[in-house]
Amino acid sequence: MNLAALDLNLLVALDALLLEANVSRAAMRIGLSQPAASHALQRLRDMLGDPLLVRVGARMELTPRAQAAAPRQLEGVPVVLVEVGEIRGMPFCSKQAARRKR
């Protein structure tokens, strides 16, 4: 994987998809349209070589690989956001972090 070509927005999309296990709710969480979130999911699938979310009946479930990655991903994204925010002079908002927790 070429990390230089990694779109950091995909990390935010992955975070929302892992939290919600639902493309429409993940899209709402991060302010995207459902088609844009589906496109991000497809890009993540291609990049990671895993479907991440699979349809089981009427709902979506995380794949075993996505389930294993979820705790690390959910801890890592806020760290990246804090660092990027500090560099850009836009401190991380704890209210946003609180909304992440269920």
N, C-alpha and C. Protein backbone atom coordinates (compact mmCIF):
# COMPACT_ATOMS: atom_id res chain seq x y z
N MET A 1 0.85 -1.17 0.00
CA MET A 1 0.00 0.00 0.00
C MET A 1 0.89 1.24 0.00
N ASN A 2 0.53 2.21 -0.84
CA ASN A 2 1.27 3.46 -0.93
C ASN A 2 0.67 4.46 0.05
N LEU A 3 1.33 4.65 1.17
CA LEU A 3 0.79 5.56 2.19
C LEU A 3 0.79 7.01 1.74
N ALA A 4 1.67 7.36 0.81
CA ALA A 4 1.69 8.73 0.31
C ALA A 4 0.40 9.05 -0.44
N ALA A 5 -0.23 8.04 -1.00
CA ALA A 5 -1.47 8.25 -1.75
C ALA A 5 -2.72 8.09 -0.87
N LEU A 6 -2.54 7.83 0.41
CA LEU A 6 -3.67 7.62 1.31
C LEU A 6 -4.44 8.92 1.53
N ASP A 7 -5.72 8.88 1.29
CA ASP A 7 -6.62 10.01 1.53
C ASP A 7 -7.05 9.94 2.99
N LEU A 8 -6.65 10.92 3.80
CA LEU A 8 -6.99 10.89 5.23
C LEU A 8 -8.49 10.94 5.47
N ASN A 9 -9.25 11.45 4.52
CA ASN A 9 -10.71 11.44 4.65
C ASN A 9 -11.24 10.02 4.72
N LEU A 10 -10.51 9.07 4.12
CA LEU A 10 -10.94 7.68 4.19
C LEU A 10 -10.85 7.15 5.61
N LEU A 11 -9.90 7.66 6.40
CA LEU A 11 -9.81 7.24 7.80
C LEU A 11 -11.04 7.70 8.58
N VAL A 12 -11.51 8.89 8.28
CA VAL A 12 -12.72 9.39 8.94
C VAL A 12 -13.92 8.55 8.52
N ALA A 13 -13.99 8.22 7.22
CA ALA A 13 -15.09 7.38 6.74
C ALA A 13 -15.02 6.00 7.37
N LEU A 14 -13.81 5.43 7.45
CA LEU A 14 -13.66 4.10 8.06
C LEU A 14 -14.09 4.14 9.52
N ASP A 15 -13.72 5.17 10.21
CA ASP A 15 -14.11 5.33 11.61
C ASP A 15 -15.63 5.30 11.75
N ALA A 16 -16.32 6.09 10.94
CA ALA A 16 -17.78 6.14 11.00
C ALA A 16 -18.42 4.82 10.60
N LEU A 17 -17.88 4.17 9.58
CA LEU A 17 -18.42 2.89 9.13
C LEU A 17 -18.27 1.82 10.21
N LEU A 18 -17.13 1.81 10.89
CA LEU A 18 -16.91 0.83 11.96
C LEU A 18 -17.81 1.11 13.16
N LEU A 19 -18.03 2.38 13.46
CA LEU A 19 -18.90 2.73 14.59
C LEU A 19 -20.35 2.38 14.30
N GLU A 20 -20.80 2.68 13.11
CA GLU A 20 -22.22 2.54 12.77
C GLU A 20 -22.59 1.19 12.18
N ALA A 21 -21.66 0.55 11.47
CA ALA A 21 -21.95 -0.68 10.72
C ALA A 21 -23.17 -0.49 9.83
N ASN A 22 -23.29 0.72 9.29
CA ASN A 22 -24.42 1.08 8.44
C ASN A 22 -23.96 2.26 7.59
N VAL A 23 -24.04 2.13 6.26
CA VAL A 23 -23.51 3.15 5.37
C VAL A 23 -24.30 4.46 5.50
N SER A 24 -25.61 4.39 5.56
CA SER A 24 -26.42 5.62 5.65
C SER A 24 -26.16 6.37 6.96
N ARG A 25 -26.11 5.65 8.08
CA ARG A 25 -25.84 6.33 9.36
C ARG A 25 -24.41 6.86 9.41
N ALA A 26 -23.47 6.11 8.84
CA ALA A 26 -22.08 6.58 8.79
C ALA A 26 -22.00 7.86 7.97
N ALA A 27 -22.72 7.91 6.86
CA ALA A 27 -22.74 9.11 6.02
C ALA A 27 -23.26 10.30 6.80
N MET A 28 -24.36 10.12 7.51
CA MET A 28 -24.92 11.22 8.31
C MET A 28 -23.94 11.66 9.39
N ARG A 29 -23.26 10.71 10.01
CA ARG A 29 -22.32 11.01 11.09
C ARG A 29 -21.21 11.95 10.62
N ILE A 30 -20.75 11.77 9.38
CA ILE A 30 -19.61 12.55 8.91
C ILE A 30 -20.00 13.60 7.86
N GLY A 31 -21.30 13.77 7.63
CA GLY A 31 -21.75 14.83 6.74
C GLY A 31 -21.57 14.54 5.27
N LEU A 32 -21.67 13.28 4.88
CA LEU A 32 -21.60 12.90 3.48
C LEU A 32 -22.97 12.43 3.01
N SER A 33 -23.14 12.39 1.70
CA SER A 33 -24.33 11.75 1.15
C SER A 33 -24.12 10.24 1.23
N GLN A 34 -25.20 9.49 1.15
CA GLN A 34 -25.08 8.03 1.19
C GLN A 34 -24.25 7.52 0.00
N PRO A 35 -24.44 8.04 -1.23
CA PRO A 35 -23.59 7.57 -2.33
C PRO A 35 -22.10 7.87 -2.11
N ALA A 36 -21.80 9.03 -1.52
CA ALA A 36 -20.39 9.36 -1.24
C ALA A 36 -19.80 8.40 -0.21
N ALA A 37 -20.58 8.04 0.81
CA ALA A 37 -20.11 7.08 1.81
C ALA A 37 -19.93 5.70 1.19
N SER A 38 -20.83 5.32 0.29
CA SER A 38 -20.68 4.03 -0.41
C SER A 38 -19.41 4.02 -1.25
N HIS A 39 -19.13 5.15 -1.89
CA HIS A 39 -17.91 5.25 -2.69
C HIS A 39 -16.67 5.15 -1.80
N ALA A 40 -16.71 5.80 -0.65
CA ALA A 40 -15.59 5.71 0.30
C ALA A 40 -15.41 4.28 0.77
N LEU A 41 -16.52 3.59 1.04
CA LEU A 41 -16.44 2.19 1.45
C LEU A 41 -15.79 1.35 0.35
N GLN A 42 -16.16 1.59 -0.90
CA GLN A 42 -15.56 0.83 -2.00
C GLN A 42 -14.06 1.12 -2.11
N ARG A 43 -13.68 2.36 -1.94
CA ARG A 43 -12.24 2.71 -1.98
C ARG A 43 -11.49 2.02 -0.84
N LEU A 44 -12.11 1.99 0.35
CA LEU A 44 -11.49 1.31 1.49
C LEU A 44 -11.37 -0.19 1.23
N ARG A 45 -12.41 -0.78 0.66
CA ARG A 45 -12.38 -2.21 0.33
C ARG A 45 -11.23 -2.51 -0.62
N ASP A 46 -11.11 -1.68 -1.65
CA ASP A 46 -10.03 -1.88 -2.63
C ASP A 46 -8.66 -1.71 -1.99
N MET A 47 -8.52 -0.69 -1.15
CA MET A 47 -7.23 -0.39 -0.53
C MET A 47 -6.83 -1.47 0.48
N LEU A 48 -7.80 -1.95 1.27
CA LEU A 48 -7.50 -2.88 2.35
C LEU A 48 -7.65 -4.35 1.97
N GLY A 49 -8.27 -4.62 0.82
CA GLY A 49 -8.44 -6.00 0.39
C GLY A 49 -9.41 -6.79 1.26
N ASP A 50 -10.42 -6.10 1.80
CA ASP A 50 -11.41 -6.76 2.65
C ASP A 50 -12.73 -6.04 2.44
N PRO A 51 -13.86 -6.78 2.43
CA PRO A 51 -15.15 -6.11 2.24
C PRO A 51 -15.56 -5.19 3.40
N LEU A 52 -15.00 -5.36 4.57
CA LEU A 52 -15.25 -4.56 5.77
C LEU A 52 -16.68 -4.68 6.30
N LEU A 53 -17.67 -4.43 5.48
CA LEU A 53 -19.08 -4.58 5.84
C LEU A 53 -19.73 -5.49 4.81
N VAL A 54 -20.48 -6.46 5.30
CA VAL A 54 -21.18 -7.38 4.40
C VAL A 54 -22.66 -7.44 4.80
N ARG A 55 -23.51 -7.61 3.79
CA ARG A 55 -24.94 -7.69 4.04
C ARG A 55 -25.26 -9.08 4.61
N VAL A 56 -25.98 -9.08 5.72
CA VAL A 56 -26.47 -10.31 6.34
C VAL A 56 -27.97 -10.08 6.55
N GLY A 57 -28.76 -10.67 5.67
CA GLY A 57 -30.20 -10.40 5.71
C GLY A 57 -30.46 -8.95 5.35
N ALA A 58 -31.15 -8.24 6.22
CA ALA A 58 -31.50 -6.84 5.95
C ALA A 58 -30.50 -5.86 6.56
N ARG A 59 -29.44 -6.36 7.19
CA ARG A 59 -28.50 -5.45 7.85
C ARG A 59 -27.07 -5.73 7.40
N MET A 60 -26.19 -4.83 7.76
CA MET A 60 -24.77 -4.97 7.44
C MET A 60 -24.03 -5.38 8.71
N GLU A 61 -23.02 -6.23 8.54
CA GLU A 61 -22.18 -6.64 9.67
C GLU A 61 -20.73 -6.44 9.29
N LEU A 62 -19.92 -6.14 10.30
CA LEU A 62 -18.48 -6.03 10.10
C LEU A 62 -17.90 -7.41 9.82
N THR A 63 -16.93 -7.45 8.92
CA THR A 63 -16.21 -8.70 8.68
C THR A 63 -15.32 -8.98 9.89
N PRO A 64 -14.84 -10.22 10.05
CA PRO A 64 -13.93 -10.50 11.16
C PRO A 64 -12.70 -9.58 11.16
N ARG A 65 -12.18 -9.28 10.00
CA ARG A 65 -11.00 -8.40 9.92
C ARG A 65 -11.36 -6.99 10.39
N ALA A 66 -12.52 -6.49 9.99
CA ALA A 66 -12.96 -5.16 10.43
C ALA A 66 -13.23 -5.14 11.93
N GLN A 67 -13.80 -6.23 12.46
CA GLN A 67 -14.04 -6.32 13.91
C GLN A 67 -12.73 -6.26 14.67
N ALA A 68 -11.71 -6.94 14.14
CA ALA A 68 -10.41 -6.95 14.82
C ALA A 68 -9.73 -5.58 14.75
N ALA A 69 -9.94 -4.86 13.67
CA ALA A 69 -9.29 -3.56 13.49
C ALA A 69 -10.03 -2.43 14.20
N ALA A 70 -11.31 -2.61 14.46
CA ALA A 70 -12.14 -1.53 14.99
C ALA A 70 -11.58 -0.88 16.25
N PRO A 71 -11.18 -1.62 17.27
CA PRO A 71 -10.68 -0.95 18.48
C PRO A 71 -9.46 -0.07 18.21
N ARG A 72 -8.55 -0.56 17.38
CA ARG A 72 -7.35 0.23 17.06
C ARG A 72 -7.73 1.46 16.23
N GLN A 73 -8.60 1.28 15.27
CA GLN A 73 -9.04 2.39 14.42
C GLN A 73 -9.74 3.46 15.24
N LEU A 74 -10.62 3.04 16.12
CA LEU A 74 -11.41 4.00 16.89
C LEU A 74 -10.55 4.78 17.88
N GLU A 75 -9.41 4.22 18.28
CA GLU A 75 -8.47 4.94 19.14
C GLU A 75 -7.56 5.83 18.31
N GLY A 76 -7.20 5.38 17.12
CA GLY A 76 -6.21 6.08 16.31
C GLY A 76 -6.70 7.32 15.62
N VAL A 77 -7.93 7.32 15.13
CA VAL A 77 -8.42 8.48 14.38
C VAL A 77 -8.43 9.75 15.22
N PRO A 78 -8.91 9.73 16.47
CA PRO A 78 -8.86 10.97 17.26
C PRO A 78 -7.44 11.49 17.44
N VAL A 79 -6.47 10.61 17.56
CA VAL A 79 -5.07 11.03 17.71
C VAL A 79 -4.63 11.77 16.45
N VAL A 80 -4.96 11.22 15.29
CA VAL A 80 -4.61 11.88 14.03
C VAL A 80 -5.29 13.23 13.94
N LEU A 81 -6.58 13.30 14.31
CA LEU A 81 -7.32 14.56 14.24
C LEU A 81 -6.72 15.61 15.17
N VAL A 82 -6.30 15.19 16.35
CA VAL A 82 -5.67 16.12 17.30
C VAL A 82 -4.39 16.67 16.69
N GLU A 83 -3.56 15.80 16.15
CA GLU A 83 -2.28 16.23 15.58
C GLU A 83 -2.49 17.17 14.40
N VAL A 84 -3.36 16.80 13.49
CA VAL A 84 -3.62 17.65 12.32
C VAL A 84 -4.22 18.98 12.76
N GLY A 85 -5.14 18.93 13.72
CA GLY A 85 -5.74 20.16 14.23
C GLY A 85 -4.72 21.09 14.85
N GLU A 86 -3.81 20.54 15.62
CA GLU A 86 -2.76 21.35 16.25
C GLU A 86 -1.87 22.00 15.20
N ILE A 87 -1.51 21.24 14.19
CA ILE A 87 -0.65 21.76 13.13
C ILE A 87 -1.36 22.90 12.39
N ARG A 88 -2.66 22.72 12.15
CA ARG A 88 -3.43 23.74 11.42
C ARG A 88 -3.89 24.87 12.33
N GLY A 89 -3.61 24.80 13.62
CA GLY A 89 -4.04 25.84 14.54
C GLY A 89 -5.52 25.77 14.88
N MET A 90 -6.08 24.56 14.73
CA MET A 90 -7.50 24.35 15.04
C MET A 90 -7.57 23.23 16.07
N PRO A 91 -7.52 23.57 17.35
CA PRO A 91 -7.50 22.54 18.39
C PRO A 91 -8.68 21.58 18.29
N PHE A 92 -8.42 20.35 18.70
CA PHE A 92 -9.43 19.30 18.71
C PHE A 92 -10.56 19.67 19.65
N CYS A 93 -11.79 19.45 19.25
CA CYS A 93 -12.96 19.79 20.05
C CYS A 93 -13.42 18.56 20.83
N SER A 94 -13.40 18.65 22.15
CA SER A 94 -13.78 17.51 22.97
C SER A 94 -15.26 17.16 22.80
N LYS A 95 -16.11 18.14 22.42
CA LYS A 95 -17.53 17.84 22.18
C LYS A 95 -17.67 16.88 21.01
N GLN A 96 -16.83 17.05 19.99
CA GLN A 96 -16.87 16.12 18.86
C GLN A 96 -16.45 14.73 19.31
N ALA A 97 -15.46 14.65 20.16
CA ALA A 97 -15.00 13.35 20.65
C ALA A 97 -16.07 12.68 21.47
N ALA A 98 -16.79 13.46 22.28
CA ALA A 98 -17.85 12.88 23.12
C ALA A 98 -18.97 12.30 22.26
N ARG A 99 -19.25 12.92 21.11
CA ARG A 99 -20.30 12.39 20.24
C ARG A 99 -19.92 11.05 19.64
N ARG A 100 -18.63 10.74 19.57
CA ARG A 100 -18.17 9.49 19.00
C ARG A 100 -18.53 8.30 19.89
N LYS A 101 -18.61 8.55 21.17
CA LYS A 101 -18.86 7.45 22.10
C LYS A 101 -20.33 7.10 22.08
N ARG A 102 -20.62 5.80 22.22
CA ARG A 102 -22.01 5.35 22.22
C ARG A 102 -22.40 4.91 23.59
